């Protein structure tokens, strides 16, 4: 029988110059679950995901990562991807002058005996784009001819092409207009299918489709629950909004 939990992060501590960015973080994610991690910028969300994905390698943090029942020690992002963990960052990692199809399989080329199979590349890219609701896009056009929202969906298609078991989406809609963002939310479950997902955001409203939301403050989880239950808590929504406004008023960036 498959393990109930695909991921456990136990007693994770990460410090920069003696200052704790993560302070004894503990949580579990069930297979097929969409979990959101929400908190103001600087709360430690992205740091935690960088620990999980190997961007911050084993040895630079304390605690254990248990993935699919195995304690893992990732030294780089390739090792975590090999296990089926794929992270989609807020910053686009596309090559602007390559085609959509080339970008979908960038670093994950469809090839045989060292030669790229372009027919297969285009066919499989089209299939992945249809899955994320972009089947009308010409896979042969340069990716820089598309809008930011479309490019973000290509990033998601790119991750799906890696056959990820666990998707990490770190502020994937932060640069999108409200209409495009809402379209993604509406079909999010359809896009990821049966995969497990961790969705990272600084806005509680952006996490409404998650089964469970973990609220981060100062490097640790301070509350957890559904979107409705957290919104019903007096002052929480306003406190998160005010903290975010104060953060940007100080000239800091996400």
C-alpha atoms as a PDB file:
ATOM      1  CA  UNK A   1       0.000   0.000   0.000  1.00  0.00           C
ATOM      2  CA  UNK A   2       1.292   3.471  -0.893  1.00  0.00           C
ATOM      3  CA  UNK A   3       2.441   5.775   1.874  1.00  0.00           C
ATOM      4  CA  UNK A   4      -0.306   8.141   3.035  1.00  0.00           C
ATOM      5  CA  UNK A   5       2.125  11.056   3.138  1.00  0.00           C
ATOM      6  CA  UNK A   6       4.275  11.842   0.125  1.00  0.00           C
ATOM      7  CA  UNK A   7       6.283  14.472   2.035  1.00  0.00           C
ATOM      8  CA  UNK A   8       7.293  15.157   5.613  1.00  0.00           C
ATOM      9  CA  UNK A   9       9.485  18.057   6.676  1.00  0.00           C
ATOM     10  CA  UNK A  10      10.657  17.545  10.232  1.00  0.00           C
ATOM     11  CA  UNK A  11      12.320  20.119  12.503  1.00  0.00           C
ATOM     12  CA  UNK A  12      13.689  22.221   9.637  1.00  0.00           C
ATOM     13  CA  UNK A  13      15.992  25.032  10.764  1.00  0.00           C
ATOM     14  CA  UNK A  14      17.811  27.363   8.361  1.00  0.00           C
ATOM     15  CA  UNK A  15      19.872  30.383   9.377  1.00  0.00           C
ATOM     16  CA  UNK A  16      21.651  33.160   7.488  1.00  0.00           C
ATOM     17  CA  UNK A  17      24.518  34.832   9.366  1.00  0.00           C
ATOM     18  CA  UNK A  18      23.114  33.530  12.624  1.00  0.00           C
ATOM     19  CA  UNK A  19      19.585  34.803  11.960  1.00  0.00           C
ATOM     20  CA  UNK A  20      16.975  32.034  11.715  1.00  0.00           C
ATOM     21  CA  UNK A  21      14.925  32.165   8.529  1.00  0.00           C
ATOM     22  CA  UNK A  22      13.266  28.839   9.420  1.00  0.00           C
ATOM     23  CA  UNK A  23      12.707  27.937  13.053  1.00  0.00           C
ATOM     24  CA  UNK A  24      11.768  24.275  13.661  1.00  0.00           C
ATOM     25  CA  UNK A  25       9.270  23.865  10.813  1.00  0.00           C
ATOM     26  CA  UNK A  26       7.174  20.672  10.780  1.00  0.00           C
ATOM     27  CA  UNK A  27       4.423  19.573   8.376  1.00  0.00           C
ATOM     28  CA  UNK A  28       3.191  16.646   6.271  1.00  0.00           C
ATOM     29  CA  UNK A  29       1.593  16.531   2.834  1.00  0.00           C
ATOM     30  CA  UNK A  30      -0.763  13.741   1.767  1.00  0.00           C
ATOM     31  CA  UNK A  31      -0.586  12.213  -1.694  1.00  0.00           C
ATOM     32  CA  UNK A  32      -2.820  14.045  -4.147  1.00  0.00           C
ATOM     33  CA  UNK A  33      -3.275  17.008  -1.794  1.00  0.00           C
ATOM     34  CA  UNK A  34      -3.004  20.669  -2.767  1.00  0.00           C
ATOM     35  CA  UNK A  35      -1.494  22.503   0.190  1.00  0.00           C
ATOM     36  CA  UNK A  36      -0.813  26.232   0.305  1.00  0.00           C
ATOM     37  CA  UNK A  37       1.854  28.006   2.310  1.00  0.00           C
ATOM     38  CA  UNK A  38       0.890  31.617   2.870  1.00  0.00           C
ATOM     39  CA  UNK A  39       2.621  34.504   4.580  1.00  0.00           C
ATOM     40  CA  UNK A  40       4.118  37.926   4.060  1.00  0.00           C
ATOM     41  CA  UNK A  41       7.297  38.292   2.031  1.00  0.00           C
ATOM     42  CA  UNK A  42      10.288  37.456   4.196  1.00  0.00           C
ATOM     43  CA  UNK A  43       8.325  34.987   6.332  1.00  0.00           C
ATOM     44  CA  UNK A  44      10.439  32.049   5.141  1.00  0.00           C
ATOM     45  CA  UNK A  45       8.173  30.408   2.540  1.00  0.00           C
ATOM     46  CA  UNK A  46      10.595  30.464  -0.373  1.00  0.00           C
ATOM     47  CA  UNK A  47      13.501  29.555   1.901  1.00  0.00           C
ATOM     48  CA  UNK A  48      11.622  26.424   2.928  1.00  0.00           C
ATOM     49  CA  UNK A  49      10.967  25.466  -0.693  1.00  0.00           C
ATOM     50  CA  UNK A  50      14.621  26.052  -1.557  1.00  0.00           C
ATOM     51  CA  UNK A  51      15.567  23.651   1.221  1.00  0.00           C
ATOM     52  CA  UNK A  52      13.112  21.076  -0.082  1.00  0.00           C
ATOM     53  CA  UNK A  53      14.248  21.326  -3.709  1.00  0.00           C
ATOM     54  CA  UNK A  54      17.981  21.267  -2.980  1.00  0.00           C
ATOM     55  CA  UNK A  55      18.688  24.888  -3.894  1.00  0.00           C
ATOM     56  CA  UNK A  56      19.948  25.066  -0.301  1.00  0.00           C
ATOM     57  CA  UNK A  57      21.778  21.724  -0.148  1.00  0.00           C
ATOM     58  CA  UNK A  58      21.860  19.159   2.605  1.00  0.00           C
ATOM     59  CA  UNK A  59      24.262  20.305   5.286  1.00  0.00           C
ATOM     60  CA  UNK A  60      23.261  23.964   5.110  1.00  0.00           C
ATOM     61  CA  UNK A  61      20.142  23.369   7.238  1.00  0.00           C
ATOM     62  CA  UNK A  62      19.032  21.207  10.156  1.00  0.00           C
ATOM     63  CA  UNK A  63      16.209  18.663  10.144  1.00  0.00           C
ATOM     64  CA  UNK A  64      14.952  15.898   7.879  1.00  0.00           C
ATOM     65  CA  UNK A  65      13.144  15.712   4.546  1.00  0.00           C
ATOM     66  CA  UNK A  66      11.189  12.483   4.141  1.00  0.00           C
ATOM     67  CA  UNK A  67       9.908  11.956   0.607  1.00  0.00           C
ATOM     68  CA  UNK A  68       7.971   8.848  -0.402  1.00  0.00           C
ATOM     69  CA  UNK A  69       9.003   7.231   2.879  1.00  0.00           C
ATOM     70  CA  UNK A  70      12.721   7.859   2.300  1.00  0.00           C
ATOM     71  CA  UNK A  71      14.885  10.361   4.184  1.00  0.00           C
ATOM     72  CA  UNK A  72      16.445  12.455   1.420  1.00  0.00           C
ATOM     73  CA  UNK A  73      19.603  14.547   1.355  1.00  0.00           C
ATOM     74  CA  UNK A  74      19.408  16.691  -1.777  1.00  0.00           C
ATOM     75  CA  UNK A  75      22.613  18.476  -2.740  1.00  0.00           C
ATOM     76  CA  UNK A  76      21.195  20.253  -5.786  1.00  0.00           C
ATOM     77  CA  UNK A  77      17.989  20.747  -7.717  1.00  0.00           C
ATOM     78  CA  UNK A  78      18.775  17.967 -10.196  1.00  0.00           C
ATOM     79  CA  UNK A  79      18.718  15.411  -7.377  1.00  0.00           C
ATOM     80  CA  UNK A  80      15.267  16.524  -6.189  1.00  0.00           C
ATOM     81  CA  UNK A  81      13.938  16.554  -9.773  1.00  0.00           C
ATOM     82  CA  UNK A  82      15.253  13.032 -10.261  1.00  0.00           C
ATOM     83  CA  UNK A  83      13.055  11.997  -7.329  1.00  0.00           C
ATOM     84  CA  UNK A  84      10.004  13.715  -8.845  1.00  0.00           C
ATOM     85  CA  UNK A  85      10.024  17.094  -7.062  1.00  0.00           C
ATOM     86  CA  UNK A  86       9.763  20.030  -9.492  1.00  0.00           C
ATOM     87  CA  UNK A  87       9.709  23.694  -8.474  1.00  0.00           C
ATOM     88  CA  UNK A  88       8.247  26.513 -10.565  1.00  0.00           C
ATOM     89  CA  UNK A  89       9.719  29.832  -9.471  1.00  0.00           C
ATOM     90  CA  UNK A  90       8.080  33.238  -9.712  1.00  0.00           C
ATOM     91  CA  UNK A  91      10.836  34.344 -12.092  1.00  0.00           C
ATOM     92  CA  UNK A  92      10.401  32.852 -15.550  1.00  0.00           C
ATOM     93  CA  UNK A  93      13.169  30.461 -16.627  1.00  0.00           C
ATOM     94  CA  UNK A  94      12.429  30.498 -20.349  1.00  0.00           C
ATOM     95  CA  UNK A  95      14.763  31.239 -23.254  1.00  0.00           C
ATOM     96  CA  UNK A  96      13.038  34.126 -25.091  1.00  0.00           C
ATOM     97  CA  UNK A  97      14.272  33.382 -28.608  1.00  0.00           C
ATOM     98  CA  UNK A  98      13.606  29.638 -28.573  1.00  0.00           C
ATOM     99  CA  UNK A  99      10.247  28.251 -29.664  1.00  0.00           C
ATOM    100  CA  UNK A 100       7.472  27.288 -27.272  1.00  0.00           C
ATOM    101  CA  UNK A 101       8.159  23.592 -27.918  1.00  0.00           C
ATOM    102  CA  UNK A 102      11.883  24.013 -27.280  1.00  0.00           C
ATOM    103  CA  UNK A 103      11.156  25.807 -23.997  1.00  0.00           C
ATOM    104  CA  UNK A 104       8.692  23.168 -22.806  1.00  0.00           C
ATOM    105  CA  UNK A 105      11.462  20.570 -22.974  1.00  0.00           C
ATOM    106  CA  UNK A 106      14.424  22.815 -22.196  1.00  0.00           C
ATOM    107  CA  UNK A 107      16.880  20.662 -20.269  1.00  0.00           C
ATOM    108  CA  UNK A 108      14.559  17.706 -20.731  1.00  0.00           C
ATOM    109  CA  UNK A 109      14.945  17.229 -24.471  1.00  0.00           C
ATOM    110  CA  UNK A 110      13.102  14.502 -26.372  1.00  0.00           C
ATOM    111  CA  UNK A 111      15.967  12.709 -28.031  1.00  0.00           C
ATOM    112  CA  UNK A 112      17.294   9.361 -29.150  1.00  0.00           C
ATOM    113  CA  UNK A 113      20.997   8.531 -29.282  1.00  0.00           C
ATOM    114  CA  UNK A 114      21.843  12.181 -28.695  1.00  0.00           C
ATOM    115  CA  UNK A 115      19.694  13.491 -31.553  1.00  0.00           C
ATOM    116  CA  UNK A 116      16.613  15.600 -30.755  1.00  0.00           C
ATOM    117  CA  UNK A 117      13.378  14.187 -32.152  1.00  0.00           C
ATOM    118  CA  UNK A 118      11.653  17.392 -33.267  1.00  0.00           C
ATOM    119  CA  UNK A 119       8.438  15.679 -34.347  1.00  0.00           C
ATOM    120  CA  UNK A 120       8.047  14.128 -30.919  1.00  0.00           C
ATOM    121  CA  UNK A 121       9.067  17.396 -29.238  1.00  0.00           C
ATOM    122  CA  UNK A 122       6.346  19.378 -31.014  1.00  0.00           C
ATOM    123  CA  UNK A 123       3.700  16.674 -30.574  1.00  0.00           C
ATOM    124  CA  UNK A 124       4.298  16.237 -26.844  1.00  0.00           C
ATOM    125  CA  UNK A 125       4.566  20.001 -26.295  1.00  0.00           C
ATOM    126  CA  UNK A 126       1.166  20.429 -27.938  1.00  0.00           C
ATOM    127  CA  UNK A 127      -0.315  17.757 -25.669  1.00  0.00           C
ATOM    128  CA  UNK A 128       1.043  19.452 -22.548  1.00  0.00           C
ATOM    129  CA  UNK A 129      -0.193  22.874 -23.679  1.00  0.00           C
ATOM    130  CA  UNK A 130      -3.680  21.448 -24.224  1.00  0.00           C
ATOM    131  CA  UNK A 131      -3.574  20.111 -20.692  1.00  0.00           C
ATOM    132  CA  UNK A 132      -2.943  23.585 -19.265  1.00  0.00           C
ATOM    133  CA  UNK A 133      -5.595  25.183 -21.469  1.00  0.00           C
ATOM    134  CA  UNK A 134      -3.287  26.611 -24.136  1.00  0.00           C
ATOM    135  CA  UNK A 135      -3.979  24.227 -27.020  1.00  0.00           C
ATOM    136  CA  UNK A 136      -4.470  27.158 -29.421  1.00  0.00           C
ATOM    137  CA  UNK A 137      -0.835  28.269 -29.090  1.00  0.00           C
ATOM    138  CA  UNK A 138       1.509  27.591 -32.011  1.00  0.00           C
ATOM    139  CA  UNK A 139       4.374  25.577 -30.523  1.00  0.00           C
ATOM    140  CA  UNK A 140       6.759  26.857 -33.224  1.00  0.00           C
ATOM    141  CA  UNK A 141       6.614  30.567 -32.334  1.00  0.00           C
ATOM    142  CA  UNK A 142       9.329  32.202 -30.180  1.00  0.00           C
ATOM    143  CA  UNK A 143       8.234  32.327 -26.563  1.00  0.00           C
ATOM    144  CA  UNK A 144       8.918  36.077 -26.343  1.00  0.00           C
ATOM    145  CA  UNK A 145       5.966  36.713 -28.683  1.00  0.00           C
ATOM    146  CA  UNK A 146       3.587  35.581 -25.926  1.00  0.00           C
ATOM    147  CA  UNK A 147       2.228  37.451 -22.927  1.00  0.00           C
ATOM    148  CA  UNK A 148       3.523  36.994 -19.381  1.00  0.00           C
ATOM    149  CA  UNK A 149       0.473  34.953 -18.373  1.00  0.00           C
ATOM    150  CA  UNK A 150       0.951  32.600 -21.306  1.00  0.00           C
ATOM    151  CA  UNK A 151       4.640  32.240 -20.523  1.00  0.00           C
ATOM    152  CA  UNK A 152       3.791  31.331 -16.930  1.00  0.00           C
ATOM    153  CA  UNK A 153       1.510  28.568 -18.198  1.00  0.00           C
ATOM    154  CA  UNK A 154       4.372  27.317 -20.374  1.00  0.00           C
ATOM    155  CA  UNK A 155       6.457  27.057 -17.196  1.00  0.00           C
ATOM    156  CA  UNK A 156       3.731  24.864 -15.703  1.00  0.00           C
ATOM    157  CA  UNK A 157       3.576  22.744 -18.873  1.00  0.00           C
ATOM    158  CA  UNK A 158       7.366  22.457 -18.696  1.00  0.00           C
ATOM    159  CA  UNK A 159       7.118  21.105 -15.156  1.00  0.00           C
ATOM    160  CA  UNK A 160       4.390  18.658 -16.164  1.00  0.00           C
ATOM    161  CA  UNK A 161       6.702  17.356 -18.901  1.00  0.00           C
ATOM    162  CA  UNK A 162       9.175  16.300 -16.222  1.00  0.00           C
ATOM    163  CA  UNK A 163       6.661  13.817 -14.816  1.00  0.00           C
ATOM    164  CA  UNK A 164       6.709  15.424 -11.400  1.00  0.00           C
ATOM    165  CA  UNK A 165       4.998  13.701  -8.483  1.00  0.00           C
ATOM    166  CA  UNK A 166       5.230  16.833  -6.326  1.00  0.00           C
ATOM    167  CA  UNK A 167       4.849  20.292  -7.865  1.00  0.00           C
ATOM    168  CA  UNK A 168       6.064  23.352  -5.970  1.00  0.00           C
ATOM    169  CA  UNK A 169       4.602  26.596  -7.314  1.00  0.00           C
ATOM    170  CA  UNK A 170       6.397  29.553  -5.737  1.00  0.00           C
ATOM    171  CA  UNK A 171       4.303  32.712  -6.278  1.00  0.00           C
ATOM    172  CA  UNK A 172       3.417  31.567  -9.825  1.00  0.00           C
ATOM    173  CA  UNK A 173       0.695  34.174 -10.359  1.00  0.00           C
ATOM    174  CA  UNK A 174       2.308  37.208  -8.727  1.00  0.00           C
ATOM    175  CA  UNK A 175       3.014  38.943 -12.063  1.00  0.00           C
ATOM    176  CA  UNK A 176      -0.309  38.102 -13.705  1.00  0.00           C
ATOM    177  CA  UNK A 177      -3.333  40.325 -14.197  1.00  0.00           C
ATOM    178  CA  UNK A 178      -6.392  39.440 -12.062  1.00  0.00           C
ATOM    179  CA  UNK A 179      -8.343  37.928 -14.990  1.00  0.00           C
ATOM    180  CA  UNK A 180      -5.545  35.560 -16.039  1.00  0.00           C
ATOM    181  CA  UNK A 181      -4.855  34.704 -12.405  1.00  0.00           C
ATOM    182  CA  UNK A 182      -8.487  33.807 -11.799  1.00  0.00           C
ATOM    183  CA  UNK A 183      -8.519  31.604 -14.917  1.00  0.00           C
ATOM    184  CA  UNK A 184      -5.578  29.638 -13.517  1.00  0.00           C
ATOM    185  CA  UNK A 185      -7.269  29.257 -10.128  1.00  0.00           C
ATOM    186  CA  UNK A 186     -10.490  28.053 -11.756  1.00  0.00           C
ATOM    187  CA  UNK A 187      -8.800  25.190 -13.586  1.00  0.00           C
ATOM    188  CA  UNK A 188      -5.928  24.524 -11.184  1.00  0.00           C
ATOM    189  CA  UNK A 189      -7.167  21.090 -10.122  1.00  0.00           C
ATOM    190  CA  UNK A 190      -7.712  20.150 -13.756  1.00  0.00           C
ATOM    191  CA  UNK A 191      -4.216  21.336 -14.706  1.00  0.00           C
ATOM    192  CA  UNK A 192      -2.282  19.338 -12.131  1.00  0.00           C
ATOM    193  CA  UNK A 193      -4.528  16.279 -12.275  1.00  0.00           C
ATOM    194  CA  UNK A 194      -3.746  13.779  -9.521  1.00  0.00           C
ATOM    195  CA  UNK A 195      -0.367  15.277  -8.659  1.00  0.00           C
ATOM    196  CA  UNK A 196       0.491  16.621  -5.242  1.00  0.00           C
ATOM    197  CA  UNK A 197       1.141  20.366  -5.124  1.00  0.00           C
ATOM    198  CA  UNK A 198       2.557  22.971  -2.763  1.00  0.00           C
ATOM    199  CA  UNK A 199       1.339  26.461  -3.671  1.00  0.00           C
ATOM    200  CA  UNK A 200       3.267  29.406  -2.204  1.00  0.00           C
ATOM    201  CA  UNK A 201       1.758  32.882  -1.960  1.00  0.00           C
ATOM    202  CA  UNK A 202       1.834  36.054   0.120  1.00  0.00           C
ATOM    203  CA  UNK A 203      -1.920  36.514  -0.374  1.00  0.00           C
ATOM    204  CA  UNK A 204      -4.494  34.460   1.473  1.00  0.00           C
ATOM    205  CA  UNK A 205      -7.039  35.067  -1.300  1.00  0.00           C
ATOM    206  CA  UNK A 206      -4.738  33.347  -3.797  1.00  0.00           C
ATOM    207  CA  UNK A 207      -4.872  30.121  -1.784  1.00  0.00           C
ATOM    208  CA  UNK A 208      -8.608  29.561  -1.802  1.00  0.00           C
ATOM    209  CA  UNK A 209      -8.502  26.336  -3.861  1.00  0.00           C
ATOM    210  CA  UNK A 210      -6.080  24.587  -1.455  1.00  0.00           C
ATOM    211  CA  UNK A 211      -7.335  21.842   0.827  1.00  0.00           C
ATOM    212  CA  UNK A 212      -5.213  23.150   3.688  1.00  0.00           C
ATOM    213  CA  UNK A 213      -3.327  26.423   4.181  1.00  0.00           C
ATOM    214  CA  UNK A 214      -0.297  26.848   6.425  1.00  0.00           C
ATOM    215  CA  UNK A 215       0.212  30.438   7.592  1.00  0.00           C
ATOM    216  CA  UNK A 216       3.867  31.385   7.966  1.00  0.00           C
ATOM    217  CA  UNK A 217       5.242  34.112  10.200  1.00  0.00           C
ATOM    218  CA  UNK A 218       8.886  34.715  11.098  1.00  0.00           C
ATOM    219  CA  UNK A 219      10.066  31.353   9.826  1.00  0.00           C
ATOM    220  CA  UNK A 220       7.459  29.061  11.341  1.00  0.00           C
ATOM    221  CA  UNK A 221       3.877  27.885  10.937  1.00  0.00           C
ATOM    222  CA  UNK A 222       1.604  29.875  13.238  1.00  0.00           C
ATOM    223  CA  UNK A 223      -1.825  28.737  11.967  1.00  0.00           C
ATOM    224  CA  UNK A 224      -3.334  26.175   9.631  1.00  0.00           C
ATOM    225  CA  UNK A 225      -6.771  25.451   8.236  1.00  0.00           C
ATOM    226  CA  UNK A 226      -9.038  25.877   5.227  1.00  0.00           C
ATOM    227  CA  UNK A 227      -9.378  29.190   3.390  1.00  0.00           C
ATOM    228  CA  UNK A 228     -12.839  29.777   4.845  1.00  0.00           C
ATOM    229  CA  UNK A 229     -11.816  28.964   8.416  1.00  0.00           C
ATOM    230  CA  UNK A 230      -8.778  31.242   8.259  1.00  0.00           C
ATOM    231  CA  UNK A 231     -10.737  34.109   6.685  1.00  0.00           C
ATOM    232  CA  UNK A 232     -13.300  33.769   9.465  1.00  0.00           C
ATOM    233  CA  UNK A 233     -10.656  34.461  12.105  1.00  0.00           C
ATOM    234  CA  UNK A 234     -10.966  38.018  13.282  1.00  0.00           C
ATOM    235  CA  UNK A 235      -8.069  40.195  12.203  1.00  0.00           C
ATOM    236  CA  UNK A 236      -5.994  37.576  10.369  1.00  0.00           C
ATOM    237  CA  UNK A 237      -6.755  38.767   6.837  1.00  0.00           C
ATOM    238  CA  UNK A 238      -6.206  42.408   7.756  1.00  0.00           C
ATOM    239  CA  UNK A 239      -3.010  41.636   9.678  1.00  0.00           C
ATOM    240  CA  UNK A 240      -1.523  39.820   6.668  1.00  0.00           C
ATOM    241  CA  UNK A 241      -2.530  42.626   4.311  1.00  0.00           C
ATOM    242  CA  UNK A 242      -1.071  45.318   6.597  1.00  0.00           C
ATOM    243  CA  UNK A 243       2.185  43.380   6.995  1.00  0.00           C
ATOM    244  CA  UNK A 244       2.497  43.099   3.229  1.00  0.00           C
ATOM    245  CA  UNK A 245       1.780  46.810   2.701  1.00  0.00           C
ATOM    246  CA  UNK A 246       4.386  47.713   5.328  1.00  0.00           C
ATOM    247  CA  UNK A 247       6.930  45.425   3.658  1.00  0.00           C
ATOM    248  CA  UNK A 248       6.576  47.133   0.273  1.00  0.00           C
ATOM    249  CA  UNK A 249       6.387  50.617   1.814  1.00  0.00           C
ATOM    250  CA  UNK A 250       9.887  49.963   3.135  1.00  0.00           C
ATOM    251  CA  UNK A 251      11.124  49.532  -0.426  1.00  0.00           C
ATOM    252  CA  UNK A 252      11.663  45.793  -0.194  1.00  0.00           C
ATOM    253  CA  UNK A 253      10.897  43.287  -2.911  1.00  0.00           C
ATOM    254  CA  UNK A 254       9.355  39.840  -2.966  1.00  0.00           C
END
